[in-house]
Amino acid sequence: MLGLAELKQTLVYQEAQEEKQDELLGKVVPILLQTGMTVEQIATQLNLAVETIQRFVPRK
């Protein structure tokens, strides 16, 4: 049986984590933009690349 450390190294686990993050950012980024934060401010506060945040900016 895999221990926690080994489980976190699996591709399945890593993909699940990425999907969870994408789902959360898809909800949070538009809300933060509505409050007046810029993409750069959101990226800084979340310790993510600006390019990552830009993927979740709603298109008009």
N, C-alpha and C. Protein backbone atom coordinates (compact mmCIF):
# COMPACT_ATOMS: atom_id res chain seq x y z
N MET A 1 0.84 -1.18 0.00
CA MET A 1 0.00 0.00 0.00
C MET A 1 0.89 1.25 0.00
N LEU A 2 0.46 2.26 -0.71
CA LEU A 2 1.22 3.50 -0.80
C LEU A 2 1.04 4.34 0.46
N GLY A 3 2.11 4.94 0.91
CA GLY A 3 2.03 5.91 1.99
C GLY A 3 1.64 7.26 1.42
N LEU A 4 1.37 8.22 2.28
CA LEU A 4 0.95 9.54 1.84
C LEU A 4 1.99 10.20 0.93
N ALA A 5 3.24 10.11 1.30
CA ALA A 5 4.30 10.73 0.49
C ALA A 5 4.35 10.12 -0.91
N GLU A 6 4.22 8.81 -1.00
CA GLU A 6 4.24 8.15 -2.30
C GLU A 6 3.01 8.48 -3.11
N LEU A 7 1.86 8.57 -2.43
CA LEU A 7 0.61 8.90 -3.11
C LEU A 7 0.69 10.28 -3.77
N LYS A 8 1.27 11.24 -3.05
CA LYS A 8 1.39 12.60 -3.58
C LYS A 8 2.29 12.68 -4.80
N GLN A 9 3.12 11.68 -5.00
CA GLN A 9 4.02 11.66 -6.15
C GLN A 9 3.36 11.07 -7.40
N THR A 10 2.18 10.48 -7.26
CA THR A 10 1.55 9.83 -8.41
C THR A 10 0.94 10.87 -9.34
N LEU A 11 0.92 10.54 -10.61
CA LEU A 11 0.35 11.43 -11.62
C LEU A 11 -1.14 11.65 -11.38
N VAL A 12 -1.83 10.62 -10.96
CA VAL A 12 -3.28 10.74 -10.70
C VAL A 12 -3.53 11.76 -9.60
N TYR A 13 -2.77 11.69 -8.54
CA TYR A 13 -2.93 12.64 -7.43
C TYR A 13 -2.64 14.06 -7.89
N GLN A 14 -1.55 14.23 -8.61
CA GLN A 14 -1.16 15.56 -9.07
C GLN A 14 -2.20 16.15 -10.02
N GLU A 15 -2.75 15.34 -10.90
CA GLU A 15 -3.79 15.82 -11.82
C GLU A 15 -5.05 16.21 -11.06
N ALA A 16 -5.40 15.43 -10.05
CA ALA A 16 -6.57 15.75 -9.23
C ALA A 16 -6.37 17.08 -8.51
N GLN A 17 -5.18 17.32 -8.00
CA GLN A 17 -4.88 18.58 -7.32
C GLN A 17 -4.99 19.76 -8.29
N GLU A 18 -4.49 19.60 -9.50
CA GLU A 18 -4.58 20.66 -10.51
C GLU A 18 -6.02 20.95 -10.87
N GLU A 19 -6.82 19.91 -11.02
CA GLU A 19 -8.24 20.10 -11.34
C GLU A 19 -8.96 20.84 -10.23
N LYS A 20 -8.64 20.50 -8.99
CA LYS A 20 -9.25 21.15 -7.84
C LYS A 20 -8.86 22.63 -7.81
N GLN A 21 -7.59 22.93 -8.07
CA GLN A 21 -7.12 24.32 -8.08
C GLN A 21 -7.81 25.09 -9.21
N ASP A 22 -7.91 24.49 -10.38
CA ASP A 22 -8.55 25.16 -11.51
C ASP A 22 -10.02 25.46 -11.20
N GLU A 23 -10.70 24.52 -10.57
CA GLU A 23 -12.10 24.72 -10.21
C GLU A 23 -12.25 25.89 -9.24
N LEU A 24 -11.38 25.93 -8.26
CA LEU A 24 -11.43 27.01 -7.26
C LEU A 24 -11.10 28.36 -7.90
N LEU A 25 -10.04 28.40 -8.71
CA LEU A 25 -9.66 29.67 -9.35
C LEU A 25 -10.75 30.15 -10.30
N GLY A 26 -11.43 29.22 -10.95
CA GLY A 26 -12.53 29.60 -11.85
C GLY A 26 -13.66 30.31 -11.13
N LYS A 27 -13.82 30.04 -9.85
CA LYS A 27 -14.84 30.69 -9.05
C LYS A 27 -14.32 31.97 -8.39
N VAL A 28 -13.09 31.93 -7.90
CA VAL A 28 -12.55 33.02 -7.09
C VAL A 28 -12.07 34.21 -7.93
N VAL A 29 -11.38 33.95 -9.02
CA VAL A 29 -10.80 35.04 -9.81
C VAL A 29 -11.86 36.05 -10.28
N PRO A 30 -12.99 35.62 -10.85
CA PRO A 30 -13.99 36.62 -11.25
C PRO A 30 -14.51 37.45 -10.08
N ILE A 31 -14.67 36.83 -8.93
CA ILE A 31 -15.15 37.55 -7.75
C ILE A 31 -14.12 38.61 -7.32
N LEU A 32 -12.86 38.23 -7.29
CA LEU A 32 -11.81 39.18 -6.89
C LEU A 32 -11.69 40.32 -7.90
N LEU A 33 -11.86 40.01 -9.17
CA LEU A 33 -11.83 41.07 -10.18
C LEU A 33 -12.99 42.04 -9.98
N GLN A 34 -14.15 41.54 -9.60
CA GLN A 34 -15.31 42.41 -9.36
C GLN A 34 -15.08 43.34 -8.18
N THR A 35 -14.23 42.92 -7.23
CA THR A 35 -13.95 43.79 -6.08
C THR A 35 -12.97 44.89 -6.43
N GLY A 36 -12.41 44.82 -7.63
CA GLY A 36 -11.48 45.86 -8.07
C GLY A 36 -10.03 45.44 -8.09
N MET A 37 -9.75 44.22 -7.68
CA MET A 37 -8.35 43.76 -7.73
C MET A 37 -7.94 43.56 -9.18
N THR A 38 -6.67 43.78 -9.45
CA THR A 38 -6.13 43.54 -10.78
C THR A 38 -5.63 42.10 -10.85
N VAL A 39 -5.41 41.65 -12.07
CA VAL A 39 -4.86 40.31 -12.28
C VAL A 39 -3.53 40.18 -11.56
N GLU A 40 -2.72 41.21 -11.65
CA GLU A 40 -1.40 41.19 -11.01
C GLU A 40 -1.52 41.10 -9.49
N GLN A 41 -2.47 41.82 -8.90
CA GLN A 41 -2.66 41.77 -7.46
C GLN A 41 -3.12 40.38 -7.01
N ILE A 42 -4.03 39.80 -7.77
CA ILE A 42 -4.52 38.46 -7.44
C ILE A 42 -3.37 37.46 -7.52
N ALA A 43 -2.58 37.55 -8.57
CA ALA A 43 -1.45 36.63 -8.73
C ALA A 43 -0.48 36.76 -7.56
N THR A 44 -0.20 37.98 -7.17
CA THR A 44 0.72 38.21 -6.05
C THR A 44 0.16 37.62 -4.76
N GLN A 45 -1.09 37.89 -4.48
CA GLN A 45 -1.70 37.41 -3.23
C GLN A 45 -1.79 35.89 -3.18
N LEU A 46 -1.99 35.26 -4.33
CA LEU A 46 -2.13 33.80 -4.38
C LEU A 46 -0.81 33.09 -4.70
N ASN A 47 0.25 33.87 -4.87
CA ASN A 47 1.56 33.31 -5.21
C ASN A 47 1.50 32.45 -6.47
N LEU A 48 0.83 32.98 -7.48
CA LEU A 48 0.71 32.30 -8.77
C LEU A 48 1.19 33.23 -9.87
N ALA A 49 1.50 32.65 -11.01
CA ALA A 49 1.91 33.45 -12.16
C ALA A 49 0.73 34.23 -12.72
N VAL A 50 1.01 35.42 -13.23
CA VAL A 50 -0.03 36.23 -13.86
C VAL A 50 -0.72 35.44 -14.96
N GLU A 51 0.04 34.67 -15.71
CA GLU A 51 -0.52 33.88 -16.81
C GLU A 51 -1.54 32.86 -16.30
N THR A 52 -1.31 32.33 -15.13
CA THR A 52 -2.25 31.38 -14.54
C THR A 52 -3.57 32.07 -14.24
N ILE A 53 -3.50 33.24 -13.64
CA ILE A 53 -4.72 33.99 -13.30
C ILE A 53 -5.46 34.42 -14.56
N GLN A 54 -4.73 34.82 -15.57
CA GLN A 54 -5.35 35.28 -16.82
C GLN A 54 -6.21 34.21 -17.46
N ARG A 55 -5.90 32.94 -17.23
CA ARG A 55 -6.72 31.86 -17.78
C ARG A 55 -8.14 31.87 -17.24
N PHE A 56 -8.35 32.52 -16.09
CA PHE A 56 -9.64 32.50 -15.43
C PHE A 56 -10.38 33.84 -15.48
N VAL A 57 -9.85 34.77 -16.25
CA VAL A 57 -10.52 36.07 -16.42
C VAL A 57 -11.68 35.86 -17.38
N PRO A 58 -12.89 36.24 -16.95
CA PRO A 58 -14.05 36.06 -17.84
C PRO A 58 -13.91 36.87 -19.12
N ARG A 59 -14.27 36.25 -20.20
CA ARG A 59 -14.23 36.95 -21.49
C ARG A 59 -15.53 37.71 -21.67
N LYS A 60 -15.40 38.90 -22.23
CA LYS A 60 -16.59 39.75 -22.43
C LYS A 60 -17.11 39.62 -23.83
